[in-house]
Protein backbone atom coordinates (compact mmCIF):
# COMPACT_ATOMS: atom_id res chain seq x y z
CA MET A 1 7.94 -21.89 42.34
CA LEU A 2 7.63 -17.75 42.26
CA GLY A 3 5.10 -17.69 38.72
CA ALA A 4 5.94 -18.11 35.45
CA ARG A 5 7.07 -15.10 34.33
CA LEU A 6 10.00 -15.22 37.72
CA ASP A 7 10.63 -18.69 37.10
CA TYR A 8 11.34 -18.00 33.14
CA LEU A 9 13.91 -15.49 34.03
CA ILE A 10 15.60 -17.49 36.78
CA LEU A 11 16.25 -20.25 34.59
CA ARG A 12 16.93 -18.52 31.59
CA PRO A 13 20.39 -18.28 32.60
CA PHE A 14 21.12 -21.77 32.69
CA THR A 15 19.87 -22.94 29.06
CA HIS A 16 21.53 -22.95 25.58
CA LYS A 17 20.28 -23.27 22.17
CA ARG A 18 20.22 -27.21 21.45
CA ASN A 19 19.31 -29.34 18.78
CA LEU A 20 16.64 -26.74 17.84
CA ALA A 21 14.64 -28.65 15.40
CA THR A 22 11.25 -28.49 13.98
CA GLU A 23 8.75 -31.21 13.95
CA ALA A 24 8.98 -31.77 9.99
CA GLU A 25 13.06 -31.59 10.20
CA LEU A 26 12.82 -34.44 12.54
CA ASN A 27 10.35 -36.05 10.39
CA GLU A 28 12.86 -35.72 7.37
CA LYS A 29 16.08 -37.04 9.02
CA TYR A 30 14.63 -40.09 10.11
CA GLN A 31 15.98 -42.55 7.68
CA GLN A 32 19.69 -40.72 8.89
CA THR A 33 19.24 -42.62 12.11
CA GLU A 34 20.74 -45.82 12.49
CA PHE A 35 22.03 -47.63 15.40
CA GLY A 36 25.07 -49.97 15.33
CA ILE A 37 23.25 -53.47 16.69
CA SER A 38 25.92 -53.49 19.74
CA VAL A 39 24.27 -50.49 20.78
CA ALA A 40 20.88 -52.11 21.04
CA GLU A 41 22.55 -55.19 22.54
CA ALA A 42 23.80 -53.84 25.52
CA ARG A 43 20.45 -51.51 25.57
CA LEU A 44 18.61 -54.76 26.41
CA GLN A 45 21.38 -56.55 28.07
CA ARG A 46 21.26 -53.81 30.66
CA PHE A 47 17.18 -53.54 30.65
CA ILE A 48 17.96 -57.56 31.76
CA ASN A 49 20.10 -56.69 34.65
CA ARG A 50 18.17 -54.14 35.76
CA LEU A 51 15.43 -56.79 36.01
CA ASP A 52 18.55 -59.20 37.55
CA GLY A 53 18.28 -61.49 34.50
CA ARG A 54 14.28 -62.41 34.64
CA LEU A 55 13.49 -61.68 31.55
CA PRO A 56 12.85 -64.70 29.43
CA LEU A 57 13.96 -65.26 26.02
CA ASP A 58 12.07 -67.92 24.12
CA PRO A 59 12.04 -68.01 20.96
CA SER A 60 8.49 -69.99 20.72
CA PHE A 61 6.99 -66.98 22.65
CA ARG A 62 5.30 -64.02 21.17
CA TYR A 63 6.55 -60.52 22.30
CA LEU A 64 5.16 -57.06 22.30
CA ASP A 65 7.22 -53.83 23.02
CA ILE A 66 5.04 -50.73 23.51
CA GLY A 67 6.08 -47.76 22.79
CA CYS A 68 9.39 -49.83 20.57
CA GLY A 69 10.95 -45.85 19.47
CA THR A 70 13.48 -46.59 16.85
CA GLY A 71 13.02 -50.48 17.47
CA ASP A 72 16.25 -51.33 19.47
CA ILE A 73 14.74 -53.33 21.63
CA ALA A 74 12.38 -55.40 19.46
CA ILE A 75 15.45 -55.95 17.14
CA ALA A 76 17.74 -57.26 19.88
CA LEU A 77 15.41 -59.41 21.07
CA ALA A 78 14.87 -61.09 17.40
CA LYS A 79 18.86 -61.16 17.57
CA ALA A 80 18.72 -62.69 20.47
CA GLY A 81 16.56 -65.76 18.93
CA CYS A 82 13.05 -64.29 19.61
CA LYS A 83 11.00 -65.21 16.68
CA ASP A 84 7.83 -63.42 17.11
CA VAL A 85 8.24 -59.78 18.03
CA THR A 86 5.90 -57.13 17.44
CA GLY A 87 6.99 -53.03 18.56
CA ILE A 88 3.95 -50.54 18.51
CA ASP A 89 4.32 -46.88 18.58
CA ILE A 90 2.16 -43.90 18.37
CA MET A 91 4.67 -41.88 16.24
CA PRO A 92 5.34 -42.72 12.46
CA ARG A 93 8.83 -41.38 12.42
CA CYS A 94 9.74 -43.96 14.88
CA ILE A 95 7.72 -46.41 13.10
CA ALA A 96 9.32 -45.99 9.59
CA GLU A 97 13.16 -45.71 11.46
CA SER A 98 11.99 -48.85 13.23
CA GLU A 99 11.43 -50.50 9.73
CA PHE A 100 14.42 -49.11 8.31
CA ASN A 101 16.35 -50.64 11.07
CA ALA A 102 15.13 -53.82 11.13
CA LYS A 103 15.97 -54.46 7.50
CA ARG A 104 19.28 -52.97 8.44
CA HIS A 105 20.03 -55.65 10.40
CA GLY A 106 18.59 -58.30 8.77
CA VAL A 107 15.50 -59.02 11.24
CA ALA A 108 12.44 -58.11 9.29
CA ASP A 109 11.22 -61.57 8.83
CA SER A 110 10.98 -62.26 12.69
CA VAL A 111 10.16 -58.37 13.73
CA ARG A 112 6.90 -56.59 12.89
CA PHE A 113 6.28 -52.55 13.51
CA VAL A 114 2.57 -50.95 13.94
CA CYS A 115 2.11 -47.47 14.28
CA SER A 116 -1.35 -47.46 16.36
CA ASP A 117 -2.62 -45.95 20.00
CA ILE A 118 -2.43 -49.09 22.34
CA HIS A 119 -5.84 -48.65 23.26
CA ASP A 120 -7.30 -48.84 19.77
CA TRP A 121 -4.92 -52.01 18.59
CA SER A 122 -6.43 -55.55 18.66
CA PRO A 123 -3.66 -58.19 17.88
CA PRO A 124 -4.45 -61.43 16.30
CA SER A 125 -3.54 -63.50 19.06
CA PRO A 126 -2.40 -62.96 22.78
CA PHE A 127 1.01 -62.19 23.82
CA ASP A 128 3.40 -64.05 25.93
CA ILE A 129 5.60 -61.75 26.81
CA ILE A 130 4.68 -57.70 27.04
CA ILE A 131 7.81 -55.08 27.58
CA SER A 132 7.33 -51.52 27.86
CA HIS A 133 11.11 -49.89 28.45
CA GLU A 134 11.45 -46.45 29.27
CA ALA A 135 8.20 -45.51 27.92
CA LEU A 136 5.60 -45.55 30.55
CA GLU A 137 6.68 -42.23 32.10
CA HIS A 138 4.99 -40.63 28.37
CA VAL A 139 1.95 -42.49 28.89
CA GLU A 140 -1.09 -40.53 29.92
CA SER A 141 -3.34 -42.93 30.92
CA VAL A 142 -1.54 -45.83 32.63
CA ASP A 143 -4.08 -46.90 34.21
CA ARG A 144 -6.44 -47.69 31.39
CA MET A 145 -3.12 -49.03 29.45
CA LEU A 146 -2.43 -51.68 32.34
CA THR A 147 -6.42 -52.21 32.14
CA ARG A 148 -6.00 -52.92 28.15
CA LEU A 149 -2.82 -55.24 28.49
CA LYS A 150 -4.53 -57.55 30.78
CA ASN A 151 -6.87 -58.54 27.35
CA ILE A 152 -3.99 -59.06 25.30
CA VAL A 153 -1.44 -61.17 27.16
CA SER A 154 -1.67 -64.80 27.68
CA THR A 155 -3.32 -66.52 30.66
CA ASP A 156 0.28 -67.03 32.45
CA GLY A 157 1.79 -64.39 30.51
CA LEU A 158 4.16 -61.19 32.17
CA PHE A 159 4.48 -57.47 31.49
CA ILE A 160 7.59 -56.20 32.08
CA VAL A 161 8.31 -52.91 32.56
CA GLY A 162 11.30 -50.88 33.44
CA PHE A 163 10.60 -46.58 33.40
CA GLY A 164 11.90 -43.55 34.32
CA PRO A 165 12.94 -40.75 35.19
CA LEU A 166 9.69 -40.22 37.51
CA PHE A 167 8.28 -36.76 36.69
CA HIS A 168 9.05 -36.06 40.74
CA SER A 169 12.27 -37.44 41.08
CA LEU A 170 15.18 -35.82 40.48
CA ILE A 171 16.06 -35.57 37.04
CA GLY A 172 12.10 -35.80 36.51
CA ASP A 173 11.20 -33.41 34.16
CA HIS A 174 12.85 -34.76 30.83
CA MET A 175 14.14 -31.21 29.82
CA SER A 176 18.26 -32.03 30.26
CA GLY A 177 18.48 -31.35 26.64
CA PHE A 178 18.15 -27.76 26.34
CA PHE A 179 20.08 -27.07 30.18
CA ARG A 180 23.26 -26.38 30.75
CA LEU A 181 22.97 -27.48 34.47
CA PRO A 182 21.06 -30.29 35.97
CA ILE A 183 19.09 -28.44 38.57
CA PRO A 184 17.28 -31.25 41.28
CA TRP A 185 13.37 -31.67 41.03
CA ARG A 186 13.01 -28.82 38.49
CA GLY A 187 9.85 -29.70 36.99
CA ALA A 188 8.57 -30.51 40.64
CA ILE A 189 9.88 -26.59 41.81
CA PHE A 190 9.45 -24.84 38.91
CA SER A 191 6.13 -23.63 36.52
CA GLU A 192 5.19 -25.42 33.79
CA LYS A 193 4.78 -22.64 31.86
CA ALA A 194 8.09 -21.09 32.03
CA ILE A 195 9.55 -24.84 31.49
CA LEU A 196 7.79 -25.25 28.14
CA ARG A 197 8.36 -21.74 27.06
CA LEU A 198 12.05 -21.92 27.27
CA ARG A 199 11.84 -25.36 25.75
CA ARG A 200 10.21 -23.74 22.76
CA GLU A 201 12.98 -21.23 22.63
CA CYS A 202 15.70 -23.57 22.80
CA PHE A 203 14.50 -26.86 21.48
CA ARG A 204 11.47 -27.49 19.76
CA PRO A 205 10.57 -23.99 17.98
CA THR A 206 7.11 -25.71 16.40
CA ASP A 207 5.63 -27.54 19.28
CA SER A 208 2.95 -24.88 21.02
CA ALA A 209 2.35 -28.01 23.90
CA THR A 210 1.34 -25.65 27.76
CA ARG A 211 1.05 -29.17 29.19
CA TYR A 212 3.86 -31.31 29.97
CA GLN A 213 0.94 -34.55 28.99
CA ASP A 214 0.83 -32.46 25.18
CA ILE A 215 4.61 -32.18 24.41
CA ASN A 216 5.52 -34.72 21.56
CA GLY A 217 6.38 -37.89 23.54
CA GLY A 218 3.98 -36.65 26.44
CA LEU A 219 4.74 -36.69 29.68
CA ASN A 220 2.27 -38.09 32.45
CA LEU A 221 3.95 -36.87 35.80
CA MET A 222 3.18 -39.92 37.57
CA ARG A 223 4.39 -40.55 40.97
CA TYR A 224 5.70 -44.34 42.06
CA THR A 225 2.71 -44.40 44.50
CA GLU A 226 0.10 -43.93 42.16
CA PHE A 227 1.71 -46.21 39.78
CA LEU A 228 1.85 -48.69 42.83
CA LYS A 229 -1.94 -48.10 43.10
CA TYR A 230 -2.87 -48.19 39.02
CA VAL A 231 -1.02 -52.40 39.41
CA GLU A 232 -3.65 -53.49 42.18
CA SER A 233 -6.55 -51.47 40.49
CA ALA A 234 -5.97 -53.13 37.45
CA GLY A 235 -6.07 -56.30 38.45
CA TRP A 236 -1.86 -56.87 38.32
CA GLN A 237 0.26 -58.31 40.67
CA PHE A 238 4.21 -57.86 40.97
CA ARG A 239 6.65 -60.92 40.59
CA TYR A 240 9.39 -58.81 40.62
CA LEU A 241 9.61 -55.03 41.70
CA SER A 242 13.27 -52.99 42.35
CA VAL A 243 13.27 -49.64 42.76
CA ASN A 244 16.35 -46.95 41.86
CA PRO A 245 18.49 -50.41 40.71
CA GLN A 246 20.95 -47.81 38.60
CA PHE A 247 22.36 -46.76 42.39
CA LYS A 248 23.73 -50.45 42.83
CA ARG A 249 27.09 -49.36 41.25
CA ILE A 250 27.26 -46.58 43.84
CA PRO A 251 27.85 -48.05 47.11
CA PHE A 252 26.79 -45.66 49.85
CA MET A 253 23.20 -44.48 47.28
CA TYR A 254 21.67 -47.61 46.97
CA PRO A 255 20.84 -48.35 51.01
CA ILE A 256 20.71 -44.67 51.25
CA SER A 257 17.21 -44.93 48.43
CA ASN A 258 16.00 -47.70 50.19
CA LEU A 259 15.58 -46.40 53.79
CA LEU A 260 14.31 -43.26 52.16
CA LEU A 261 11.44 -45.45 49.94
CA ARG A 262 10.17 -46.59 53.22
CA LEU A 263 8.96 -42.98 53.80
CA PRO A 264 5.45 -42.18 53.15
CA VAL A 265 5.46 -38.78 50.92
CA VAL A 266 9.30 -38.89 50.45
CA LYS A 267 9.38 -42.23 48.51
CA ASP A 268 7.54 -40.19 45.50
CA PHE A 269 10.59 -37.57 45.04
CA VAL A 270 13.30 -40.31 45.35
CA ALA A 271 12.02 -43.02 42.92
CA THR A 272 13.82 -42.31 40.32
CA SER A 273 13.52 -45.38 38.02
CA VAL A 274 11.05 -48.58 38.40
CA TYR A 275 11.99 -52.28 37.10
CA ALA A 276 9.05 -54.76 37.63
CA ILE A 277 7.59 -58.13 36.42
CA LEU A 278 4.00 -58.33 36.31
CA GLN A 279 1.54 -61.30 36.41
CA PRO A 280 -2.28 -61.09 35.76
CA ARG A 281 -3.84 -61.42 39.36
CA ALA A 282 -5.63 -65.13 39.79
């Protein structure tokens, strides 16, 4: 907004030190990260609800969970009766946690985990359902990934995605872990250099990234309108699309959100989360 130095001075009083851990310390603690199966099942159910119940659960389908994290969605799918579930993530500690949790919850025979970049990995056969939940905002080349997924989904398969907050939305910079209060559109308004400097000082001291795309986990800064273009250019079509479904529980917010989403330019700053079901275009 006013340059990296002034933005840093403006934002500094609103920060505090929280979870100040090095990457090595985070890696060492992975086996202590356990989740109750009820938490995983609730997360899957919330995902299904925001898709208006359109996520099919079928024991005969092959499922792929992209950006599986600690494996909660993949494990919840297995607990729901899905017999062939694969989770993939690029972070080794996430895969280690996922495998640990799958064994702990008794579904290691139904779920496997792969530590790889989706672009470099070739599965033995196509998947019927590919899922990406709360991960697409971290993928640097969404257009490239959407093109890749068309090569590993079955002819009548589906890509089911829910992601957000998008970077240019109200809380889109994902930096709430060390700010005392949510500053609206913080990432879009203030200098990237200032925010990442504060992140090092208050949150991740050994992450020297100078771009949002380079932090561990990464942020792609994708706008909602860019996502729509990527879907079209990669050869997918929408079977279902819902933007900001979390606002449905707030009576006045959802209609206002839908109205603002019709406005050019404005829609990119209003679209906070996107839930969609895509199918390959014939």
